[in-house]
Amino acid sequence: MKIAIATDHGGFKLKESLAKFLKNQGHNVKDFGVFSDESSDYPIVGYELSKAVGDRRYTRGILICKTGIGMSIVANKVKGVRAALCDRQDVARSSRLHNDANILVLAANIVSEAKAKKLISIWLSTRALGGRHKRRVNQIKRIESVSEER
């Protein structure tokens, strides 16, 4: 799977570990940065990754910051993105089953490396259910289109 990953300085160490983990799992991983733990602005890398996922250049994306909130806000501003901030396995699974989330957001201050790997494994292996859930995802897409017209 083609996966994009990015972080701000607060999640740099976690991102480095997770990128290696994903590559070892056989995924094609694109690192959008940042590339050190020096202070950085999350909206820039969050937007670049989200745009790439929204444009379908990558199948899925993973964003990391200290709380996950900032990255979630940025990601969900981008057309075609359904980003989910997850810190529990059931939430990660549900984000895929019910919402067909294409970006997983992780909080570096909340999830450990081991927990992040479990969340990612569940999130990547879970398929969207379709049915009534697909109908709801389509409603989200229509809302997104109406918002663009304004």
C-alpha atoms as a PDB file:
ATOM      1  CA  MET A   1       0.000   0.000   0.000  1.00  0.00           C
ATOM      2  CA  LYS A   2       1.182   3.550  -0.719  1.00  0.00           C
ATOM      3  CA  ILE A   3       1.259   5.356   2.614  1.00  0.00           C
ATOM      4  CA  ALA A   4       2.208   8.953   3.352  1.00  0.00           C
ATOM      5  CA  ILE A   5       3.458   9.923   6.813  1.00  0.00           C
ATOM      6  CA  ALA A   6       4.206  13.311   8.387  1.00  0.00           C
ATOM      7  CA  THR A   7       4.626  14.980  11.743  1.00  0.00           C
ATOM      8  CA  ASP A   8       5.627  18.162  13.460  1.00  0.00           C
ATOM      9  CA  HIS A   9       8.589  18.286  15.839  1.00  0.00           C
ATOM     10  CA  GLY A  10       6.522  16.821  18.672  1.00  0.00           C
ATOM     11  CA  GLY A  11       6.063  13.510  16.893  1.00  0.00           C
ATOM     12  CA  PHE A  12       9.390  13.281  15.072  1.00  0.00           C
ATOM     13  CA  LYS A  13      10.781  10.312  17.006  1.00  0.00           C
ATOM     14  CA  LEU A  14       7.520   8.390  16.745  1.00  0.00           C
ATOM     15  CA  LYS A  15       7.274   9.102  13.015  1.00  0.00           C
ATOM     16  CA  GLU A  16      10.784   7.810  12.402  1.00  0.00           C
ATOM     17  CA  SER A  17       9.971   4.543  14.150  1.00  0.00           C
ATOM     18  CA  LEU A  18       6.600   4.145  12.443  1.00  0.00           C
ATOM     19  CA  ALA A  19       8.015   4.822   8.974  1.00  0.00           C
ATOM     20  CA  LYS A  20      10.517   1.985   9.486  1.00  0.00           C
ATOM     21  CA  PHE A  21       7.752  -0.257  10.828  1.00  0.00           C
ATOM     22  CA  LEU A  22       5.597   0.406   7.758  1.00  0.00           C
ATOM     23  CA  LYS A  23       8.478  -0.220   5.346  1.00  0.00           C
ATOM     24  CA  ASN A  24       9.270  -3.487   7.130  1.00  0.00           C
ATOM     25  CA  GLN A  25       5.638  -4.473   6.616  1.00  0.00           C
ATOM     26  CA  GLY A  26       6.175  -4.061   2.856  1.00  0.00           C
ATOM     27  CA  HIS A  27       4.431  -0.718   2.380  1.00  0.00           C
ATOM     28  CA  ASN A  28       5.653   1.989   0.019  1.00  0.00           C
ATOM     29  CA  VAL A  29       6.153   4.909   2.419  1.00  0.00           C
ATOM     30  CA  LYS A  30       6.596   8.592   1.553  1.00  0.00           C
ATOM     31  CA  ASP A  31       7.890  10.755   4.403  1.00  0.00           C
ATOM     32  CA  PHE A  32       6.538  14.307   4.104  1.00  0.00           C
ATOM     33  CA  GLY A  33       8.600  15.487   7.094  1.00  0.00           C
ATOM     34  CA  VAL A  34       9.561  17.003   9.356  1.00  0.00           C
ATOM     35  CA  PHE A  35      13.072  15.658   9.472  1.00  0.00           C
ATOM     36  CA  SER A  36      14.226  16.755  12.935  1.00  0.00           C
ATOM     37  CA  ASP A  37      12.835  17.590  16.354  1.00  0.00           C
ATOM     38  CA  GLU A  38      13.489  21.308  15.882  1.00  0.00           C
ATOM     39  CA  SER A  39      10.397  23.468  16.313  1.00  0.00           C
ATOM     40  CA  SER A  40       8.184  23.412  13.219  1.00  0.00           C
ATOM     41  CA  ASP A  41       4.709  24.410  12.107  1.00  0.00           C
ATOM     42  CA  TYR A  42       2.330  21.472  11.728  1.00  0.00           C
ATOM     43  CA  PRO A  43      -0.129  23.089   9.266  1.00  0.00           C
ATOM     44  CA  ILE A  44       2.403  23.034   6.422  1.00  0.00           C
ATOM     45  CA  VAL A  45       3.320  19.330   6.521  1.00  0.00           C
ATOM     46  CA  GLY A  46      -0.212  18.371   7.526  1.00  0.00           C
ATOM     47  CA  TYR A  47      -1.628  20.125   4.491  1.00  0.00           C
ATOM     48  CA  GLU A  48       0.945  18.685   2.065  1.00  0.00           C
ATOM     49  CA  LEU A  49       0.263  15.118   3.181  1.00  0.00           C
ATOM     50  CA  SER A  50      -3.502  15.656   3.251  1.00  0.00           C
ATOM     51  CA  LYS A  51      -3.491  17.115  -0.252  1.00  0.00           C
ATOM     52  CA  ALA A  52      -1.576  14.075  -1.525  1.00  0.00           C
ATOM     53  CA  VAL A  53      -4.082  11.688   0.078  1.00  0.00           C
ATOM     54  CA  GLY A  54      -7.082  13.770  -0.987  1.00  0.00           C
ATOM     55  CA  ASP A  55      -5.765  13.746  -4.577  1.00  0.00           C
ATOM     56  CA  ARG A  56      -5.363   9.946  -4.275  1.00  0.00           C
ATOM     57  CA  ARG A  57      -1.614   9.969  -4.881  1.00  0.00           C
ATOM     58  CA  TYR A  58      -1.408   7.881  -1.693  1.00  0.00           C
ATOM     59  CA  THR A  59      -3.869   5.270  -0.505  1.00  0.00           C
ATOM     60  CA  ARG A  60      -3.658   6.309   3.130  1.00  0.00           C
ATOM     61  CA  GLY A  61      -1.870   8.812   5.332  1.00  0.00           C
ATOM     62  CA  ILE A  62      -0.662   9.022   8.903  1.00  0.00           C
ATOM     63  CA  LEU A  63      -0.249  12.359  10.676  1.00  0.00           C
ATOM     64  CA  ILE A  64       1.345  12.858  14.076  1.00  0.00           C
ATOM     65  CA  CYS A  65       1.602  15.791  16.453  1.00  0.00           C
ATOM     66  CA  LYS A  66       1.678  16.083  20.229  1.00  0.00           C
ATOM     67  CA  THR A  67      -2.104  15.962  20.758  1.00  0.00           C
ATOM     68  CA  GLY A  68      -3.292  15.085  17.253  1.00  0.00           C
ATOM     69  CA  ILE A  69      -5.803  17.914  17.354  1.00  0.00           C
ATOM     70  CA  GLY A  70      -3.965  20.389  15.139  1.00  0.00           C
ATOM     71  CA  MET A  71      -3.227  17.809  12.465  1.00  0.00           C
ATOM     72  CA  SER A  72      -6.850  16.636  12.551  1.00  0.00           C
ATOM     73  CA  ILE A  73      -8.119  20.159  11.991  1.00  0.00           C
ATOM     74  CA  VAL A  74      -5.748  20.788   9.087  1.00  0.00           C
ATOM     75  CA  ALA A  75      -6.358  17.426   7.427  1.00  0.00           C
ATOM     76  CA  ASN A  76     -10.132  17.698   7.493  1.00  0.00           C
ATOM     77  CA  LYS A  77      -9.988  21.039   5.663  1.00  0.00           C
ATOM     78  CA  VAL A  78      -8.729  19.232   2.538  1.00  0.00           C
ATOM     79  CA  LYS A  79     -11.153  17.867  -0.055  1.00  0.00           C
ATOM     80  CA  GLY A  80     -11.271  14.090  -0.143  1.00  0.00           C
ATOM     81  CA  VAL A  81      -9.843  13.617   3.341  1.00  0.00           C
ATOM     82  CA  ARG A  82     -11.530  11.851   6.208  1.00  0.00           C
ATOM     83  CA  ALA A  83      -9.003  12.063   9.030  1.00  0.00           C
ATOM     84  CA  ALA A  84      -9.599  10.309  12.342  1.00  0.00           C
ATOM     85  CA  LEU A  85      -7.751  10.966  15.592  1.00  0.00           C
ATOM     86  CA  CYS A  86      -7.442   7.551  17.240  1.00  0.00           C
ATOM     87  CA  ASP A  87      -5.962   6.441  20.537  1.00  0.00           C
ATOM     88  CA  ARG A  88      -7.866   3.170  21.006  1.00  0.00           C
ATOM     89  CA  GLN A  89      -8.061   0.042  18.884  1.00  0.00           C
ATOM     90  CA  ASP A  90     -11.864   0.045  18.688  1.00  0.00           C
ATOM     91  CA  VAL A  91     -11.849   3.656  17.524  1.00  0.00           C
ATOM     92  CA  ALA A  92      -9.219   2.944  14.855  1.00  0.00           C
ATOM     93  CA  ARG A  93     -11.252  -0.015  13.598  1.00  0.00           C
ATOM     94  CA  SER A  94     -14.488   1.977  13.622  1.00  0.00           C
ATOM     95  CA  SER A  95     -12.888   4.889  11.752  1.00  0.00           C
ATOM     96  CA  ARG A  96     -12.296   2.506   8.841  1.00  0.00           C
ATOM     97  CA  LEU A  97     -15.454   0.395   9.120  1.00  0.00           C
ATOM     98  CA  HIS A  98     -17.923   3.254   9.428  1.00  0.00           C
ATOM     99  CA  ASN A  99     -16.164   6.321   8.031  1.00  0.00           C
ATOM    100  CA  ASP A 100     -13.668   4.911   5.528  1.00  0.00           C
ATOM    101  CA  ALA A 101     -11.058   7.204   7.123  1.00  0.00           C
ATOM    102  CA  ASN A 102      -8.079   7.677   4.827  1.00  0.00           C
ATOM    103  CA  ILE A 103      -5.832   9.512   7.294  1.00  0.00           C
ATOM    104  CA  LEU A 104      -5.005   8.224  10.758  1.00  0.00           C
ATOM    105  CA  VAL A 105      -3.980  10.914  13.231  1.00  0.00           C
ATOM    106  CA  LEU A 106      -1.924   9.966  16.260  1.00  0.00           C
ATOM    107  CA  ALA A 107      -1.096  11.935  19.408  1.00  0.00           C
ATOM    108  CA  ALA A 108       2.577  11.473  20.254  1.00  0.00           C
ATOM    109  CA  ASN A 109       1.945  12.574  23.848  1.00  0.00           C
ATOM    110  CA  ILE A 110      -0.755   9.934  24.326  1.00  0.00           C
ATOM    111  CA  VAL A 111       0.148   6.801  22.360  1.00  0.00           C
ATOM    112  CA  SER A 112       3.323   4.829  22.872  1.00  0.00           C
ATOM    113  CA  GLU A 113       5.281   3.426  19.964  1.00  0.00           C
ATOM    114  CA  ALA A 114       3.921  -0.072  20.650  1.00  0.00           C
ATOM    115  CA  LYS A 115       0.344   1.175  20.837  1.00  0.00           C
ATOM    116  CA  ALA A 116       0.781   3.245  17.671  1.00  0.00           C
ATOM    117  CA  LYS A 117       1.959   0.139  15.802  1.00  0.00           C
ATOM    118  CA  LYS A 118      -1.125  -1.791  16.975  1.00  0.00           C
ATOM    119  CA  LEU A 119      -3.418   1.049  15.957  1.00  0.00           C
ATOM    120  CA  ILE A 120      -1.797   1.281  12.531  1.00  0.00           C
ATOM    121  CA  SER A 121      -1.988  -2.477  11.965  1.00  0.00           C
ATOM    122  CA  ILE A 122      -5.696  -2.531  12.782  1.00  0.00           C
ATOM    123  CA  TRP A 123      -6.396   0.616  10.779  1.00  0.00           C
ATOM    124  CA  LEU A 124      -4.577  -0.618   7.675  1.00  0.00           C
ATOM    125  CA  SER A 125      -6.153  -4.068   7.732  1.00  0.00           C
ATOM    126  CA  THR A 126      -9.750  -2.922   8.279  1.00  0.00           C
ATOM    127  CA  ARG A 127     -11.961  -2.489   5.235  1.00  0.00           C
ATOM    128  CA  ALA A 128     -14.872  -0.067   5.048  1.00  0.00           C
ATOM    129  CA  LEU A 129     -18.233  -1.777   5.500  1.00  0.00           C
ATOM    130  CA  GLY A 130     -20.238  -0.084   2.781  1.00  0.00           C
ATOM    131  CA  GLY A 131     -24.040  -0.222   2.992  1.00  0.00           C
ATOM    132  CA  ARG A 132     -25.486   2.456   5.251  1.00  0.00           C
ATOM    133  CA  HIS A 133     -21.952   3.547   6.117  1.00  0.00           C
ATOM    134  CA  LYS A 134     -21.109   4.148   2.447  1.00  0.00           C
ATOM    135  CA  ARG A 135     -24.294   6.217   2.182  1.00  0.00           C
ATOM    136  CA  ARG A 136     -23.068   8.360   5.074  1.00  0.00           C
ATOM    137  CA  VAL A 137     -19.589   8.748   3.605  1.00  0.00           C
ATOM    138  CA  ASN A 138     -21.266   9.882   0.377  1.00  0.00           C
ATOM    139  CA  GLN A 139     -23.245  12.422   2.400  1.00  0.00           C
ATOM    140  CA  ILE A 140     -19.951  13.757   3.770  1.00  0.00           C
ATOM    141  CA  LYS A 141     -18.637  14.061   0.214  1.00  0.00           C
ATOM    142  CA  ARG A 142     -21.752  15.999  -0.827  1.00  0.00           C
ATOM    143  CA  ILE A 143     -21.352  18.359   2.141  1.00  0.00           C
ATOM    144  CA  GLU A 144     -17.744  18.857   1.111  1.00  0.00           C
ATOM    145  CA  SER A 145     -18.846  19.759  -2.444  1.00  0.00           C
ATOM    146  CA  VAL A 146     -21.418  22.266  -1.181  1.00  0.00           C
ATOM    147  CA  SER A 147     -18.777  23.875   1.039  1.00  0.00           C
ATOM    148  CA  GLU A 148     -16.509  24.312  -1.996  1.00  0.00           C
ATOM    149  CA  GLU A 149     -19.204  26.236  -3.867  1.00  0.00           C
ATOM    150  CA  ARG A 150     -19.413  28.895  -1.162  1.00  0.00           C
END
